[in-house]
N, C-alpha and C. Protein backbone atom coordinates (compact mmCIF):
# COMPACT_ATOMS: atom_id res chain seq x y z
N MET A 1 -2.31 3.47 -10.70
CA MET A 1 -2.39 5.52 -10.99
C MET A 1 -0.89 5.86 -10.90
N PRO A 2 -0.03 6.53 -11.75
CA PRO A 2 0.70 7.02 -11.56
C PRO A 2 1.32 7.76 -10.52
N GLY A 3 2.52 8.01 -9.88
CA GLY A 3 2.64 9.15 -8.87
C GLY A 3 1.74 9.26 -8.01
N VAL A 4 1.42 8.16 -7.42
CA VAL A 4 0.94 8.18 -6.06
C VAL A 4 2.41 7.98 -5.06
N ASN A 5 2.93 8.73 -3.87
CA ASN A 5 3.53 8.45 -3.09
C ASN A 5 2.65 7.03 -1.87
N ILE A 6 3.89 5.93 -1.74
CA ILE A 6 3.43 5.37 -0.47
C ILE A 6 4.41 5.36 0.57
N LEU A 7 3.64 5.51 1.33
CA LEU A 7 4.29 6.03 2.80
C LEU A 7 4.25 5.01 3.88
N ILE A 8 5.34 4.33 4.59
CA ILE A 8 5.12 3.75 5.76
C ILE A 8 4.74 4.88 7.17
N LYS A 9 3.97 4.78 7.34
CA LYS A 9 3.52 5.43 8.38
C LYS A 9 4.35 5.73 9.72
N ASP A 10 4.31 6.62 10.37
CA ASP A 10 5.29 7.02 11.37
C ASP A 10 6.56 6.47 11.14
N SER A 11 7.23 6.36 10.05
CA SER A 11 8.54 5.96 9.67
C SER A 11 9.92 7.23 9.85
N ASN A 12 10.38 6.86 10.72
CA ASN A 12 11.62 7.70 11.12
C ASN A 12 13.22 7.55 10.64
N PRO A 13 13.78 7.58 9.31
CA PRO A 13 13.26 8.58 8.68
C PRO A 13 12.18 8.06 7.86
N ALA A 14 11.78 8.82 6.83
CA ALA A 14 10.77 8.47 6.15
C ALA A 14 10.74 7.47 5.24
N ILE A 15 10.17 6.51 5.21
CA ILE A 15 10.23 5.50 4.00
C ILE A 15 9.37 5.11 3.20
N GLY A 16 9.30 5.32 2.26
CA GLY A 16 8.19 5.64 0.72
C GLY A 16 9.12 5.34 -0.26
N THR A 17 8.58 5.02 -1.25
CA THR A 17 8.29 5.07 -2.83
C THR A 17 7.36 5.76 -3.56
N GLN A 18 7.12 5.93 -5.09
CA GLN A 18 6.09 6.46 -5.80
C GLN A 18 5.76 5.49 -6.98
N THR A 19 4.49 5.51 -7.20
CA THR A 19 4.36 4.75 -8.48
C THR A 19 5.04 5.08 -9.72
N ASP A 20 5.06 4.36 -10.58
CA ASP A 20 5.76 4.39 -12.01
C ASP A 20 4.29 4.79 -12.99
N LEU A 21 5.04 5.13 -13.76
CA LEU A 21 3.94 5.31 -15.11
C LEU A 21 2.84 4.29 -15.43
N SER A 22 2.90 2.93 -14.81
CA SER A 22 2.36 2.24 -15.28
C SER A 22 1.00 2.06 -13.86
N GLY A 23 1.75 2.95 -12.77
CA GLY A 23 1.15 2.29 -11.71
C GLY A 23 1.66 1.68 -10.26
N THR A 24 2.54 1.06 -11.16
CA THR A 24 3.20 -0.01 -10.20
C THR A 24 4.28 0.58 -9.14
N ALA A 25 4.48 -0.21 -8.37
CA ALA A 25 6.11 0.41 -7.35
C ALA A 25 6.02 -0.87 -6.53
N GLU A 26 7.41 -0.60 -5.68
CA GLU A 26 7.45 -2.06 -4.95
C GLU A 26 8.65 -1.49 -3.69
N LEU A 27 8.08 -1.67 -2.48
CA LEU A 27 8.29 -0.61 -1.59
C LEU A 27 9.08 -2.17 0.12
N GLN A 28 10.19 -1.92 0.06
CA GLN A 28 10.65 -3.63 1.21
C GLN A 28 9.95 -2.50 2.21
N VAL A 29 9.40 -3.74 2.92
CA VAL A 29 9.09 -2.98 4.37
C VAL A 29 9.68 -4.44 5.79
N PRO A 30 9.77 -3.57 6.89
CA PRO A 30 10.31 -4.41 8.07
C PRO A 30 9.30 -5.27 8.58
N ASN A 31 9.76 -6.30 9.16
CA ASN A 31 8.71 -7.68 9.28
C ASN A 31 8.06 -6.98 10.30
N ASP A 32 7.49 -5.77 10.52
CA ASP A 32 6.34 -5.67 11.77
C ASP A 32 5.17 -5.35 10.85
N SER A 33 4.42 -5.48 12.07
CA SER A 33 2.87 -4.71 11.14
C SER A 33 3.05 -3.52 11.43
N ILE A 34 2.65 -2.99 9.92
CA ILE A 34 2.75 -1.55 9.40
C ILE A 34 1.67 -0.84 9.16
N THR A 35 1.02 0.09 8.59
CA THR A 35 0.32 0.90 8.11
C THR A 35 1.07 1.76 6.54
N ILE A 36 0.52 1.38 5.76
CA ILE A 36 0.67 1.95 4.63
C ILE A 36 -0.09 3.78 4.14
N ILE A 37 0.36 4.47 3.85
CA ILE A 37 -0.39 5.57 3.40
C ILE A 37 -0.12 5.59 2.03
N LEU A 38 -1.40 5.95 1.00
CA LEU A 38 -0.81 6.23 -0.32
C LEU A 38 -1.42 7.62 -0.05
N SER A 39 -0.54 8.66 -0.65
CA SER A 39 -0.66 10.23 -1.43
C SER A 39 -0.78 10.60 -2.30
N PHE A 40 -1.62 11.27 -3.00
CA PHE A 40 -1.93 11.68 -4.53
C PHE A 40 -2.94 13.05 -4.39
N LEU A 41 -3.09 13.58 -5.30
CA LEU A 41 -4.11 15.00 -5.24
C LEU A 41 -5.55 14.09 -5.35
N ALA A 42 -5.94 14.38 -3.89
CA ALA A 42 -6.97 13.71 -3.25
C ALA A 42 -7.43 14.23 -1.85
N PRO A 43 -8.41 14.64 -1.45
CA PRO A 43 -9.20 15.10 -0.29
C PRO A 43 -8.53 14.20 0.97
N ASN A 44 -8.60 12.95 0.76
CA ASN A 44 -8.27 11.99 1.69
C ASN A 44 -7.30 11.06 1.15
N GLU A 45 -6.65 10.45 2.60
CA GLU A 45 -5.08 9.38 1.82
C GLU A 45 -5.92 8.45 3.03
N PRO A 46 -5.83 6.86 1.81
CA PRO A 46 -5.80 5.89 1.96
C PRO A 46 -5.27 5.34 2.83
N LYS A 47 -5.44 4.52 3.50
CA LYS A 47 -4.42 3.63 4.12
C LYS A 47 -4.68 2.27 4.57
N PHE A 48 -3.97 1.33 4.91
CA PHE A 48 -4.28 0.05 4.73
C PHE A 48 -3.34 -0.60 5.73
N GLU A 49 -3.65 -1.33 6.51
CA GLU A 49 -2.22 -2.34 7.07
C GLU A 49 -1.52 -3.88 6.84
N ILE A 50 -0.57 -3.93 7.14
CA ILE A 50 0.43 -4.98 6.49
C ILE A 50 0.63 -5.66 7.24
N ASP A 51 0.82 -6.88 7.27
CA ASP A 51 1.83 -7.52 8.55
C ASP A 51 3.02 -8.86 7.47
N LYS A 52 3.69 -9.38 8.58
CA LYS A 52 5.13 -9.80 7.82
C LYS A 52 4.42 -11.57 6.89
N SER A 53 2.98 -11.60 6.95
CA SER A 53 2.81 -13.01 6.24
C SER A 53 2.55 -12.59 4.82
N VAL A 54 2.71 -11.13 4.92
CA VAL A 54 1.62 -10.64 3.40
C VAL A 54 3.36 -10.68 2.43
N ASP A 55 3.21 -10.85 0.72
CA ASP A 55 4.29 -11.04 -0.44
C ASP A 55 3.92 -9.75 -1.02
N SER A 56 2.44 -9.32 -1.19
CA SER A 56 2.12 -8.49 -2.03
C SER A 56 1.27 -7.85 -1.93
N VAL A 57 0.79 -6.95 -2.25
CA VAL A 57 -0.55 -6.12 -2.41
C VAL A 57 -1.30 -5.59 -3.79
N SER A 58 -2.39 -5.70 -4.11
CA SER A 58 -2.57 -5.34 -4.65
C SER A 58 -4.03 -3.93 -4.77
N ILE A 59 -3.90 -2.64 -5.07
CA ILE A 59 -4.63 -1.79 -4.25
C ILE A 59 -5.76 -0.90 -5.65
N ASN A 60 -6.85 -1.46 -5.38
CA ASN A 60 -7.72 -0.49 -6.63
C ASN A 60 -8.56 0.76 -6.11
N LEU A 61 -8.02 1.91 -6.42
CA LEU A 61 -8.61 2.81 -6.17
C LEU A 61 -10.05 3.70 -6.08
N VAL A 62 -10.47 2.89 -7.61
CA VAL A 62 -11.74 3.17 -7.74
C VAL A 62 -13.07 2.34 -7.06
N LYS A 63 -12.26 1.16 -6.83
CA LYS A 63 -13.15 -0.06 -5.93
C LYS A 63 -12.83 0.15 -4.36
N LYS A 64 -11.56 0.87 -3.74
CA LYS A 64 -11.50 1.24 -2.52
C LYS A 64 -11.09 -0.09 -1.82
N ASN A 65 -9.96 -1.13 -2.45
CA ASN A 65 -9.88 -2.22 -1.79
C ASN A 65 -8.90 -2.46 -1.83
N ALA A 66 -7.99 -3.29 -0.96
CA ALA A 66 -6.44 -3.93 -1.62
C ALA A 66 -6.64 -5.46 -1.17
N ILE A 67 -6.03 -6.22 -1.84
CA ILE A 67 -6.09 -7.57 -2.00
C ILE A 67 -4.48 -8.16 -1.85
N TYR A 68 -4.79 -9.01 -0.42
CA TYR A 68 -3.36 -9.55 -0.20
C TYR A 68 -3.07 -10.64 -0.83
N TYR A 69 -1.47 -10.67 -0.64
CA TYR A 69 -1.39 -11.82 -1.37
C TYR A 69 0.03 -12.92 -0.78
N SER A 70 0.33 -13.80 -0.63
CA SER A 70 1.59 -14.68 0.12
C SER A 70 1.60 -15.75 -1.04
N LYS A 71 3.02 -15.40 -1.73
CA LYS A 71 3.54 -16.69 -2.82
C LYS A 71 2.15 -16.82 -3.70
N SER A 72 1.75 -15.56 -4.35
CA SER A 72 0.84 -15.46 -5.53
C SER A 72 -0.66 -16.27 -5.05
N LYS A 73 -0.67 -16.21 -3.73
CA LYS A 73 -2.19 -16.88 -3.51
C LYS A 73 -2.72 -15.97 -2.79
N ARG A 74 -3.85 -15.47 -3.16
CA ARG A 74 -5.08 -14.46 -2.28
C ARG A 74 -5.00 -14.96 -1.17
N LEU A 75 -4.42 -13.81 0.13
CA LEU A 75 -4.90 -13.80 1.18
C LEU A 75 -6.20 -13.97 1.80
N LYS A 76 -6.31 -12.21 1.24
CA LYS A 76 -7.98 -11.73 2.05
C LYS A 76 -7.87 -10.62 1.23
N LYS A 77 -8.93 -9.68 0.78
CA LYS A 77 -9.58 -8.29 0.92
C LYS A 77 -10.70 -7.63 1.75
N VAL A 78 -9.87 -6.49 1.67
CA VAL A 78 -10.20 -5.43 2.95
C VAL A 78 -10.64 -4.30 2.00
N SER A 79 -11.52 -3.37 2.92
CA SER A 79 -11.73 -2.02 2.12
C SER A 79 -10.35 -1.43 2.77
N LEU A 80 -10.26 -0.15 1.77
CA LEU A 80 -9.67 1.19 2.45
C LEU A 80 -9.52 1.91 3.25
N LYS A 81 -9.45 2.38 4.10
CA LYS A 81 -9.53 3.31 5.43
C LYS A 81 -8.85 4.46 4.82
N TYR A 82 -10.17 5.38 4.69
CA TYR A 82 -9.94 7.71 4.15
C TYR A 82 -10.05 7.85 5.31
């Protein structure tokens, strides 16, 4: 989905980015476990956790899930928290 704001929860100063026209974004995160918040025109903001073992995450807002990858290998699939 284009135009989704991606933010690291409680980062100060705020750390985030926005998806491009194809719905893709890249965000370098600290080596800690963090919570990512997705912000777009919806009543609730989906959230999910990331830890240092994850290289990338694929988000499906329709299916309300996140799939975690490390070195192109699928690690796990989780439901998004709203």
